[in-house]
């Protein structure tokens, strides 16, 4: 029997119930689709404008396609959105764990595009999903017609030592004491300064932390020699205060890796970019202008 990413059957059931709640909360019509890849069966939520330009949406780490859709509902206005459940993350895809250090995630994403019947498609990746798109740029650059990377992994990642100090120590304190203040303190570095983490995000984090065998490794930064053939128009949005993927460093590295990329530093923005409606509108305008301009 294949090893499960869930600690218990009860935990798996809780995550699936949360997933259904997330979908219902969107209030949109959708279709479930499953496709085959060399790494396993992959689930995709299809929604948005039926005759709109298709766009693949890759979600953040230890999260779900439904949760990512909530943060990026504006994509539904002009696009047929294909929101992919990342393999071996909570959701409905198979549970084969892939390496974050090689190009397997790019190969998996390439297989998804092939199985959907596209030769080329728009790609949108946030956080971990941005790292997946970066790996895809190395594996099959010709399959991306445009790309949006939002607070992405895979370009420049904060050092593990930094994250252990800011997030790891409070998490160990939480495990030892079960005191709620340590749980919130452990994830507060992901937030934007002065902006609380919303309850739905805390719930997603909490259930995943307690019931999923969390893989702490984000997609490793891609190497310049691997991405040389990527030429598609790209928009990269990085958070100035992002503890996981420091915005200025990400943009500096992106200009070296993807010289054609249009970059934008989201001022005073942490990793959780969606905790301000004003910022979400700013991001929406930047993304729509990029995607809808020839």
C-alpha atoms as a PDB file:
ATOM      1  CA  UNK A   1       0.000   0.000   0.000  1.00  0.00           C
ATOM      2  CA  UNK A   2       1.280   3.472  -0.902  1.00  0.00           C
ATOM      3  CA  UNK A   3       2.344   5.605   2.031  1.00  0.00           C
ATOM      4  CA  UNK A   4      -0.110   8.350   2.916  1.00  0.00           C
ATOM      5  CA  UNK A   5       0.798  12.008   3.480  1.00  0.00           C
ATOM      6  CA  UNK A   6      -1.786  12.015   6.282  1.00  0.00           C
ATOM      7  CA  UNK A   7      -0.934  11.021   9.842  1.00  0.00           C
ATOM      8  CA  UNK A   8      -4.290   9.263  10.347  1.00  0.00           C
ATOM      9  CA  UNK A   9      -7.426   8.352   8.423  1.00  0.00           C
ATOM     10  CA  UNK A  10      -9.324  10.800  10.611  1.00  0.00           C
ATOM     11  CA  UNK A  11      -6.899  13.528   9.608  1.00  0.00           C
ATOM     12  CA  UNK A  12      -7.411  12.744   5.935  1.00  0.00           C
ATOM     13  CA  UNK A  13     -11.174  12.935   6.433  1.00  0.00           C
ATOM     14  CA  UNK A  14     -10.854  16.327   8.163  1.00  0.00           C
ATOM     15  CA  UNK A  15      -8.787  17.722   5.288  1.00  0.00           C
ATOM     16  CA  UNK A  16     -11.263  16.441   2.713  1.00  0.00           C
ATOM     17  CA  UNK A  17     -14.147  18.004   4.641  1.00  0.00           C
ATOM     18  CA  UNK A  18     -12.255  21.299   4.784  1.00  0.00           C
ATOM     19  CA  UNK A  19     -11.622  21.052   1.043  1.00  0.00           C
ATOM     20  CA  UNK A  20     -15.336  20.681   0.321  1.00  0.00           C
ATOM     21  CA  UNK A  21     -16.071  23.652   2.598  1.00  0.00           C
ATOM     22  CA  UNK A  22     -13.499  25.721   0.731  1.00  0.00           C
ATOM     23  CA  UNK A  23     -15.086  24.881  -2.620  1.00  0.00           C
ATOM     24  CA  UNK A  24     -18.602  25.615  -1.365  1.00  0.00           C
ATOM     25  CA  UNK A  25     -17.405  28.926   0.050  1.00  0.00           C
ATOM     26  CA  UNK A  26     -16.280  30.080  -3.393  1.00  0.00           C
ATOM     27  CA  UNK A  27     -19.860  30.201  -4.650  1.00  0.00           C
ATOM     28  CA  UNK A  28     -18.879  29.354  -8.241  1.00  0.00           C
ATOM     29  CA  UNK A  29     -19.732  26.607 -10.679  1.00  0.00           C
ATOM     30  CA  UNK A  30     -16.908  24.171 -11.268  1.00  0.00           C
ATOM     31  CA  UNK A  31     -15.966  20.836 -12.784  1.00  0.00           C
ATOM     32  CA  UNK A  32     -13.735  18.147 -11.272  1.00  0.00           C
ATOM     33  CA  UNK A  33     -11.216  16.617 -13.645  1.00  0.00           C
ATOM     34  CA  UNK A  34      -8.539  13.991 -13.101  1.00  0.00           C
ATOM     35  CA  UNK A  35      -5.540  13.537 -15.406  1.00  0.00           C
ATOM     36  CA  UNK A  36      -2.701  11.034 -15.425  1.00  0.00           C
ATOM     37  CA  UNK A  37       0.976  11.941 -15.049  1.00  0.00           C
ATOM     38  CA  UNK A  38       4.113   9.831 -14.718  1.00  0.00           C
ATOM     39  CA  UNK A  39       3.989  10.547 -10.961  1.00  0.00           C
ATOM     40  CA  UNK A  40       0.334   9.761 -10.392  1.00  0.00           C
ATOM     41  CA  UNK A  41      -3.244  10.899 -10.823  1.00  0.00           C
ATOM     42  CA  UNK A  42      -3.780  14.641 -10.531  1.00  0.00           C
ATOM     43  CA  UNK A  43      -6.975  16.497  -9.659  1.00  0.00           C
ATOM     44  CA  UNK A  44      -7.950  19.804 -11.248  1.00  0.00           C
ATOM     45  CA  UNK A  45     -10.785  22.207 -10.438  1.00  0.00           C
ATOM     46  CA  UNK A  46     -12.045  23.839 -13.629  1.00  0.00           C
ATOM     47  CA  UNK A  47     -13.998  27.060 -13.276  1.00  0.00           C
ATOM     48  CA  UNK A  48     -14.269  30.603 -14.585  1.00  0.00           C
ATOM     49  CA  UNK A  49     -15.111  31.882 -18.060  1.00  0.00           C
ATOM     50  CA  UNK A  50     -15.849  28.901 -20.305  1.00  0.00           C
ATOM     51  CA  UNK A  51     -14.521  30.561 -23.457  1.00  0.00           C
ATOM     52  CA  UNK A  52     -11.832  32.554 -21.674  1.00  0.00           C
ATOM     53  CA  UNK A  53      -8.099  32.109 -22.189  1.00  0.00           C
ATOM     54  CA  UNK A  54      -7.068  29.031 -20.145  1.00  0.00           C
ATOM     55  CA  UNK A  55      -4.716  29.521 -17.211  1.00  0.00           C
ATOM     56  CA  UNK A  56      -3.161  26.892 -14.936  1.00  0.00           C
ATOM     57  CA  UNK A  57      -3.156  27.880 -11.255  1.00  0.00           C
ATOM     58  CA  UNK A  58      -0.613  26.235  -8.924  1.00  0.00           C
ATOM     59  CA  UNK A  59      -1.283  26.749  -5.200  1.00  0.00           C
ATOM     60  CA  UNK A  60       0.964  27.308  -2.192  1.00  0.00           C
ATOM     61  CA  UNK A  61       2.593  24.612  -0.081  1.00  0.00           C
ATOM     62  CA  UNK A  62       0.546  22.267   2.117  1.00  0.00           C
ATOM     63  CA  UNK A  63      -2.592  23.928   0.799  1.00  0.00           C
ATOM     64  CA  UNK A  64      -5.226  23.223  -1.856  1.00  0.00           C
ATOM     65  CA  UNK A  65      -6.442  24.421  -5.249  1.00  0.00           C
ATOM     66  CA  UNK A  66      -9.703  25.528  -3.652  1.00  0.00           C
ATOM     67  CA  UNK A  67      -7.906  27.696  -1.098  1.00  0.00           C
ATOM     68  CA  UNK A  68      -5.753  29.325  -3.785  1.00  0.00           C
ATOM     69  CA  UNK A  69      -8.820  30.086  -5.880  1.00  0.00           C
ATOM     70  CA  UNK A  70     -10.265  32.046  -2.971  1.00  0.00           C
ATOM     71  CA  UNK A  71      -7.255  34.378  -2.994  1.00  0.00           C
ATOM     72  CA  UNK A  72      -7.297  34.787  -6.783  1.00  0.00           C
ATOM     73  CA  UNK A  73     -10.969  34.878  -7.736  1.00  0.00           C
ATOM     74  CA  UNK A  74     -10.307  37.778 -10.089  1.00  0.00           C
ATOM     75  CA  UNK A  75      -8.776  35.290 -12.545  1.00  0.00           C
ATOM     76  CA  UNK A  76     -12.266  33.890 -13.133  1.00  0.00           C
ATOM     77  CA  UNK A  77     -13.451  37.139 -14.719  1.00  0.00           C
ATOM     78  CA  UNK A  78     -11.497  36.673 -17.957  1.00  0.00           C
ATOM     79  CA  UNK A  79     -10.087  33.157 -17.858  1.00  0.00           C
ATOM     80  CA  UNK A  80     -10.931  29.502 -17.849  1.00  0.00           C
ATOM     81  CA  UNK A  81      -9.080  28.643 -14.647  1.00  0.00           C
ATOM     82  CA  UNK A  82      -7.624  25.169 -14.195  1.00  0.00           C
ATOM     83  CA  UNK A  83      -6.659  25.040 -10.507  1.00  0.00           C
ATOM     84  CA  UNK A  84      -4.342  22.093  -9.901  1.00  0.00           C
ATOM     85  CA  UNK A  85      -4.070  20.148  -6.643  1.00  0.00           C
ATOM     86  CA  UNK A  86      -0.326  19.669  -6.228  1.00  0.00           C
ATOM     87  CA  UNK A  87       0.614  16.029  -5.966  1.00  0.00           C
ATOM     88  CA  UNK A  88       1.408  14.893  -2.370  1.00  0.00           C
ATOM     89  CA  UNK A  89      -0.229  17.974  -0.848  1.00  0.00           C
ATOM     90  CA  UNK A  90      -3.665  18.178   0.801  1.00  0.00           C
ATOM     91  CA  UNK A  91      -6.308  17.910  -1.880  1.00  0.00           C
ATOM     92  CA  UNK A  92      -7.477  15.204  -4.240  1.00  0.00           C
ATOM     93  CA  UNK A  93      -4.341  14.317  -6.195  1.00  0.00           C
ATOM     94  CA  UNK A  94      -2.241  11.224  -5.572  1.00  0.00           C
ATOM     95  CA  UNK A  95       0.205  11.243  -2.678  1.00  0.00           C
ATOM     96  CA  UNK A  96       3.562  10.393  -4.241  1.00  0.00           C
ATOM     97  CA  UNK A  97       6.087  12.776  -2.662  1.00  0.00           C
ATOM     98  CA  UNK A  98       8.380  14.500  -5.167  1.00  0.00           C
ATOM     99  CA  UNK A  99      11.811  15.968  -4.546  1.00  0.00           C
ATOM    100  CA  UNK A 100      11.971  19.727  -4.066  1.00  0.00           C
ATOM    101  CA  UNK A 101      15.609  19.888  -5.130  1.00  0.00           C
ATOM    102  CA  UNK A 102      15.454  18.434  -8.653  1.00  0.00           C
ATOM    103  CA  UNK A 103      13.141  19.149 -11.602  1.00  0.00           C
ATOM    104  CA  UNK A 104      10.447  16.549 -10.830  1.00  0.00           C
ATOM    105  CA  UNK A 105       7.808  19.188 -10.111  1.00  0.00           C
ATOM    106  CA  UNK A 106       8.488  20.692 -13.520  1.00  0.00           C
ATOM    107  CA  UNK A 107       8.131  17.283 -15.167  1.00  0.00           C
ATOM    108  CA  UNK A 108       4.871  16.724 -13.293  1.00  0.00           C
ATOM    109  CA  UNK A 109       3.503  20.130 -14.397  1.00  0.00           C
ATOM    110  CA  UNK A 110       4.551  19.370 -17.972  1.00  0.00           C
ATOM    111  CA  UNK A 111       2.641  16.077 -17.821  1.00  0.00           C
ATOM    112  CA  UNK A 112      -0.445  17.915 -16.519  1.00  0.00           C
ATOM    113  CA  UNK A 113      -0.371  20.266 -19.519  1.00  0.00           C
ATOM    114  CA  UNK A 114       0.009  17.340 -21.933  1.00  0.00           C
ATOM    115  CA  UNK A 115      -2.810  15.375 -20.289  1.00  0.00           C
ATOM    116  CA  UNK A 116      -5.109  18.391 -20.532  1.00  0.00           C
ATOM    117  CA  UNK A 117      -4.426  18.514 -24.270  1.00  0.00           C
ATOM    118  CA  UNK A 118      -2.617  21.864 -24.435  1.00  0.00           C
ATOM    119  CA  UNK A 119       0.559  22.596 -26.341  1.00  0.00           C
ATOM    120  CA  UNK A 120       0.989  25.944 -24.591  1.00  0.00           C
ATOM    121  CA  UNK A 121      -0.852  27.684 -21.735  1.00  0.00           C
ATOM    122  CA  UNK A 122      -0.754  30.600 -19.298  1.00  0.00           C
ATOM    123  CA  UNK A 123       0.660  29.589 -15.895  1.00  0.00           C
ATOM    124  CA  UNK A 124       0.108  31.254 -12.516  1.00  0.00           C
ATOM    125  CA  UNK A 125       2.029  30.104  -9.452  1.00  0.00           C
ATOM    126  CA  UNK A 126       1.887  31.491  -5.932  1.00  0.00           C
ATOM    127  CA  UNK A 127       4.447  30.621  -3.257  1.00  0.00           C
ATOM    128  CA  UNK A 128       5.253  26.891  -3.639  1.00  0.00           C
ATOM    129  CA  UNK A 129       3.304  26.963  -6.898  1.00  0.00           C
ATOM    130  CA  UNK A 130       5.618  29.687  -8.178  1.00  0.00           C
ATOM    131  CA  UNK A 131       8.481  27.266  -7.611  1.00  0.00           C
ATOM    132  CA  UNK A 132       6.628  24.642  -9.640  1.00  0.00           C
ATOM    133  CA  UNK A 133       6.256  27.080 -12.535  1.00  0.00           C
ATOM    134  CA  UNK A 134       9.963  27.977 -12.249  1.00  0.00           C
ATOM    135  CA  UNK A 135      10.839  24.271 -12.547  1.00  0.00           C
ATOM    136  CA  UNK A 136       8.482  24.016 -15.548  1.00  0.00           C
ATOM    137  CA  UNK A 137      10.391  26.892 -17.170  1.00  0.00           C
ATOM    138  CA  UNK A 138      13.447  24.637 -17.061  1.00  0.00           C
ATOM    139  CA  UNK A 139      11.772  21.395 -18.175  1.00  0.00           C
ATOM    140  CA  UNK A 140       9.390  22.572 -20.892  1.00  0.00           C
ATOM    141  CA  UNK A 141       9.747  26.322 -21.498  1.00  0.00           C
ATOM    142  CA  UNK A 142       7.844  26.097 -24.781  1.00  0.00           C
ATOM    143  CA  UNK A 143       4.669  25.043 -22.952  1.00  0.00           C
ATOM    144  CA  UNK A 144       4.323  28.390 -21.150  1.00  0.00           C
ATOM    145  CA  UNK A 145       2.826  31.248 -23.167  1.00  0.00           C
ATOM    146  CA  UNK A 146       2.774  33.672 -20.213  1.00  0.00           C
ATOM    147  CA  UNK A 147       3.634  33.250 -16.550  1.00  0.00           C
ATOM    148  CA  UNK A 148       2.749  35.024 -13.325  1.00  0.00           C
ATOM    149  CA  UNK A 149       4.879  34.343 -10.236  1.00  0.00           C
ATOM    150  CA  UNK A 150       3.362  35.678  -7.004  1.00  0.00           C
ATOM    151  CA  UNK A 151       5.555  35.684  -3.847  1.00  0.00           C
ATOM    152  CA  UNK A 152       7.265  32.689  -5.469  1.00  0.00           C
ATOM    153  CA  UNK A 153       9.552  29.954  -4.271  1.00  0.00           C
ATOM    154  CA  UNK A 154      12.192  28.685  -6.649  1.00  0.00           C
ATOM    155  CA  UNK A 155      13.938  31.995  -7.358  1.00  0.00           C
ATOM    156  CA  UNK A 156      15.549  33.029  -4.054  1.00  0.00           C
ATOM    157  CA  UNK A 157      14.600  31.269  -0.832  1.00  0.00           C
ATOM    158  CA  UNK A 158      15.383  32.490   2.681  1.00  0.00           C
ATOM    159  CA  UNK A 159      17.996  30.433   4.509  1.00  0.00           C
ATOM    160  CA  UNK A 160      16.794  27.536   6.629  1.00  0.00           C
ATOM    161  CA  UNK A 161      18.731  28.947   9.587  1.00  0.00           C
ATOM    162  CA  UNK A 162      16.730  32.166   9.406  1.00  0.00           C
ATOM    163  CA  UNK A 163      13.435  30.282   9.298  1.00  0.00           C
ATOM    164  CA  UNK A 164      14.401  27.972  12.150  1.00  0.00           C
ATOM    165  CA  UNK A 165      15.052  30.992  14.319  1.00  0.00           C
ATOM    166  CA  UNK A 166      11.911  32.933  13.376  1.00  0.00           C
ATOM    167  CA  UNK A 167       9.419  30.071  12.973  1.00  0.00           C
ATOM    168  CA  UNK A 168      11.006  26.826  14.133  1.00  0.00           C
ATOM    169  CA  UNK A 169      11.694  27.788  17.744  1.00  0.00           C
ATOM    170  CA  UNK A 170       8.133  29.064  18.410  1.00  0.00           C
ATOM    171  CA  UNK A 171       6.775  25.892  16.796  1.00  0.00           C
ATOM    172  CA  UNK A 172       8.878  23.726  19.121  1.00  0.00           C
ATOM    173  CA  UNK A 173       7.545  25.750  22.037  1.00  0.00           C
ATOM    174  CA  UNK A 174       4.003  25.142  20.828  1.00  0.00           C
ATOM    175  CA  UNK A 175       4.606  21.405  20.578  1.00  0.00           C
ATOM    176  CA  UNK A 176       6.017  21.386  24.103  1.00  0.00           C
ATOM    177  CA  UNK A 177       3.388  23.581  25.756  1.00  0.00           C
ATOM    178  CA  UNK A 178       0.318  23.443  23.456  1.00  0.00           C
ATOM    179  CA  UNK A 179      -0.020  27.145  24.234  1.00  0.00           C
ATOM    180  CA  UNK A 180      -1.907  28.924  21.451  1.00  0.00           C
ATOM    181  CA  UNK A 181       0.305  32.009  21.630  1.00  0.00           C
ATOM    182  CA  UNK A 182       3.261  29.976  20.373  1.00  0.00           C
ATOM    183  CA  UNK A 183       1.251  28.612  17.441  1.00  0.00           C
ATOM    184  CA  UNK A 184       0.350  32.118  16.304  1.00  0.00           C
ATOM    185  CA  UNK A 185       3.891  33.360  16.919  1.00  0.00           C
ATOM    186  CA  UNK A 186       5.297  30.536  14.783  1.00  0.00           C
ATOM    187  CA  UNK A 187       3.366  31.636  11.720  1.00  0.00           C
ATOM    188  CA  UNK A 188       3.287  35.391  12.336  1.00  0.00           C
ATOM    189  CA  UNK A 189       6.512  35.894  10.298  1.00  0.00           C
ATOM    190  CA  UNK A 190       4.490  34.908   7.214  1.00  0.00           C
ATOM    191  CA  UNK A 191       2.104  37.811   7.762  1.00  0.00           C
ATOM    192  CA  UNK A 192       2.415  41.404   6.641  1.00  0.00           C
ATOM    193  CA  UNK A 193       3.517  43.678   9.519  1.00  0.00           C
ATOM    194  CA  UNK A 194       0.464  45.100  11.253  1.00  0.00           C
ATOM    195  CA  UNK A 195      -1.975  42.744   9.513  1.00  0.00           C
ATOM    196  CA  UNK A 196      -3.400  39.722  11.372  1.00  0.00           C
ATOM    197  CA  UNK A 197      -3.625  36.278   9.784  1.00  0.00           C
ATOM    198  CA  UNK A 198      -7.272  35.652   8.900  1.00  0.00           C
ATOM    199  CA  UNK A 199      -9.132  32.778  10.544  1.00  0.00           C
ATOM    200  CA  UNK A 200      -9.587  30.706   7.373  1.00  0.00           C
ATOM    201  CA  UNK A 201      -5.834  30.772   6.798  1.00  0.00           C
ATOM    202  CA  UNK A 202      -5.112  29.853  10.407  1.00  0.00           C
ATOM    203  CA  UNK A 203      -7.571  26.963  10.082  1.00  0.00           C
ATOM    204  CA  UNK A 204      -5.844  25.728   6.919  1.00  0.00           C
ATOM    205  CA  UNK A 205      -2.447  25.953   8.634  1.00  0.00           C
ATOM    206  CA  UNK A 206      -3.650  24.341  11.850  1.00  0.00           C
ATOM    207  CA  UNK A 207      -5.374  21.340  10.268  1.00  0.00           C
ATOM    208  CA  UNK A 208      -2.466  20.723   7.896  1.00  0.00           C
ATOM    209  CA  UNK A 209       0.076  21.016  10.719  1.00  0.00           C
ATOM    210  CA  UNK A 210      -1.721  18.553  12.972  1.00  0.00           C
ATOM    211  CA  UNK A 211      -2.846  16.022  10.382  1.00  0.00           C
ATOM    212  CA  UNK A 212      -0.389  16.124   7.451  1.00  0.00           C
ATOM    213  CA  UNK A 213       3.203  14.917   7.349  1.00  0.00           C
ATOM    214  CA  UNK A 214       4.416  18.385   6.440  1.00  0.00           C
ATOM    215  CA  UNK A 215       7.218  18.624   3.898  1.00  0.00           C
ATOM    216  CA  UNK A 216       9.086  21.779   4.980  1.00  0.00           C
ATOM    217  CA  UNK A 217      11.201  21.958   1.826  1.00  0.00           C
ATOM    218  CA  UNK A 218      10.198  24.539  -0.755  1.00  0.00           C
ATOM    219  CA  UNK A 219      11.214  24.112  -4.419  1.00  0.00           C
ATOM    220  CA  UNK A 220      14.899  24.922  -4.599  1.00  0.00           C
ATOM    221  CA  UNK A 221      16.049  27.951  -6.618  1.00  0.00           C
ATOM    222  CA  UNK A 222      16.430  27.123 -10.302  1.00  0.00           C
ATOM    223  CA  UNK A 223      19.843  27.432 -11.900  1.00  0.00           C
ATOM    224  CA  UNK A 224      20.590  29.869 -14.696  1.00  0.00           C
ATOM    225  CA  UNK A 225      21.979  27.182 -16.995  1.00  0.00           C
ATOM    226  CA  UNK A 226      18.710  25.225 -16.677  1.00  0.00           C
ATOM    227  CA  UNK A 227      16.415  28.116 -17.588  1.00  0.00           C
ATOM    228  CA  UNK A 228      18.294  29.587 -20.552  1.00  0.00           C
ATOM    229  CA  UNK A 229      15.674  28.546 -23.130  1.00  0.00           C
ATOM    230  CA  UNK A 230      12.748  30.212 -21.356  1.00  0.00           C
ATOM    231  CA  UNK A 231      11.568  33.304 -23.260  1.00  0.00           C
ATOM    232  CA  UNK A 232       7.869  33.752 -22.414  1.00  0.00           C
ATOM    233  CA  UNK A 233       6.547  37.062 -21.023  1.00  0.00           C
ATOM    234  CA  UNK A 234       6.615  36.878 -17.232  1.00  0.00           C
ATOM    235  CA  UNK A 235       5.270  38.978 -14.363  1.00  0.00           C
ATOM    236  CA  UNK A 236       6.888  38.521 -10.963  1.00  0.00           C
ATOM    237  CA  UNK A 237       5.404  40.065  -7.811  1.00  0.00           C
ATOM    238  CA  UNK A 238       7.495  39.815  -4.640  1.00  0.00           C
ATOM    239  CA  UNK A 239       6.711  40.892  -1.086  1.00  0.00           C
ATOM    240  CA  UNK A 240       9.112  43.431   0.430  1.00  0.00           C
ATOM    241  CA  UNK A 241       8.632  41.906   3.917  1.00  0.00           C
ATOM    242  CA  UNK A 242       8.295  38.266   2.810  1.00  0.00           C
ATOM    243  CA  UNK A 243      10.142  36.143   5.396  1.00  0.00           C
ATOM    244  CA  UNK A 244      10.174  33.059   3.141  1.00  0.00           C
ATOM    245  CA  UNK A 245      11.154  34.654  -0.158  1.00  0.00           C
ATOM    246  CA  UNK A 246      12.613  38.134   0.538  1.00  0.00           C
ATOM    247  CA  UNK A 247      11.229  40.443  -2.120  1.00  0.00           C
ATOM    248  CA  UNK A 248      14.291  42.498  -3.033  1.00  0.00           C
ATOM    249  CA  UNK A 249      16.490  39.395  -3.244  1.00  0.00           C
ATOM    250  CA  UNK A 250      13.868  37.570  -5.326  1.00  0.00           C
ATOM    251  CA  UNK A 251      13.645  40.430  -7.820  1.00  0.00           C
ATOM    252  CA  UNK A 252      17.424  40.809  -8.009  1.00  0.00           C
ATOM    253  CA  UNK A 253      17.812  37.100  -8.791  1.00  0.00           C
ATOM    254  CA  UNK A 254      14.843  37.053 -11.175  1.00  0.00           C
ATOM    255  CA  UNK A 255      16.435  39.767 -13.310  1.00  0.00           C
ATOM    256  CA  UNK A 256      19.420  37.459 -13.743  1.00  0.00           C
ATOM    257  CA  UNK A 257      17.390  34.303 -14.412  1.00  0.00           C
ATOM    258  CA  UNK A 258      14.484  35.749 -16.410  1.00  0.00           C
ATOM    259  CA  UNK A 259      15.732  39.013 -17.932  1.00  0.00           C
ATOM    260  CA  UNK A 260      12.475  39.595 -19.830  1.00  0.00           C
ATOM    261  CA  UNK A 261      10.416  39.465 -16.640  1.00  0.00           C
ATOM    262  CA  UNK A 262       8.441  42.473 -15.505  1.00  0.00           C
ATOM    263  CA  UNK A 263       8.950  42.730 -11.752  1.00  0.00           C
ATOM    264  CA  UNK A 264       7.139  44.564  -8.986  1.00  0.00           C
ATOM    265  CA  UNK A 265       8.067  44.873  -5.322  1.00  0.00           C
ATOM    266  CA  UNK A 266       4.915  44.829  -3.188  1.00  0.00           C
ATOM    267  CA  UNK A 267       5.790  47.412  -0.554  1.00  0.00           C
ATOM    268  CA  UNK A 268       5.477  46.421   3.119  1.00  0.00           C
ATOM    269  CA  UNK A 269       3.969  43.086   2.008  1.00  0.00           C
ATOM    270  CA  UNK A 270       4.627  39.820   3.804  1.00  0.00           C
ATOM    271  CA  UNK A 271       4.209  36.349   2.376  1.00  0.00           C
ATOM    272  CA  UNK A 272       0.466  36.401   3.052  1.00  0.00           C
ATOM    273  CA  UNK A 273      -0.206  39.012   0.388  1.00  0.00           C
ATOM    274  CA  UNK A 274      -4.004  38.752   0.595  1.00  0.00           C
ATOM    275  CA  UNK A 275      -4.572  40.196   4.083  1.00  0.00           C
ATOM    276  CA  UNK A 276      -5.234  43.677   2.671  1.00  0.00           C
ATOM    277  CA  UNK A 277      -8.106  44.349   0.259  1.00  0.00           C
ATOM    278  CA  UNK A 278      -6.262  47.376  -1.119  1.00  0.00           C
ATOM    279  CA  UNK A 279      -3.216  45.214  -1.901  1.00  0.00           C
ATOM    280  CA  UNK A 280      -5.354  42.481  -3.440  1.00  0.00           C
ATOM    281  CA  UNK A 281      -6.895  45.067  -5.773  1.00  0.00           C
ATOM    282  CA  UNK A 282      -3.422  46.348  -6.663  1.00  0.00           C
ATOM    283  CA  UNK A 283      -2.282  42.810  -7.477  1.00  0.00           C
ATOM    284  CA  UNK A 284      -5.464  42.157  -9.458  1.00  0.00           C
ATOM    285  CA  UNK A 285      -4.868  45.244 -11.587  1.00  0.00           C
ATOM    286  CA  UNK A 286      -1.227  44.344 -12.233  1.00  0.00           C
ATOM    287  CA  UNK A 287      -2.062  40.744 -13.146  1.00  0.00           C
ATOM    288  CA  UNK A 288      -5.049  41.594 -15.350  1.00  0.00           C
ATOM    289  CA  UNK A 289      -3.094  44.249 -17.239  1.00  0.00           C
ATOM    290  CA  UNK A 290      -0.270  41.778 -17.843  1.00  0.00           C
ATOM    291  CA  UNK A 291      -2.431  38.818 -18.848  1.00  0.00           C
ATOM    292  CA  UNK A 292      -4.817  40.807 -21.030  1.00  0.00           C
ATOM    293  CA  UNK A 293      -2.165  42.740 -22.988  1.00  0.00           C
ATOM    294  CA  UNK A 294      -0.743  41.220 -26.154  1.00  0.00           C
END
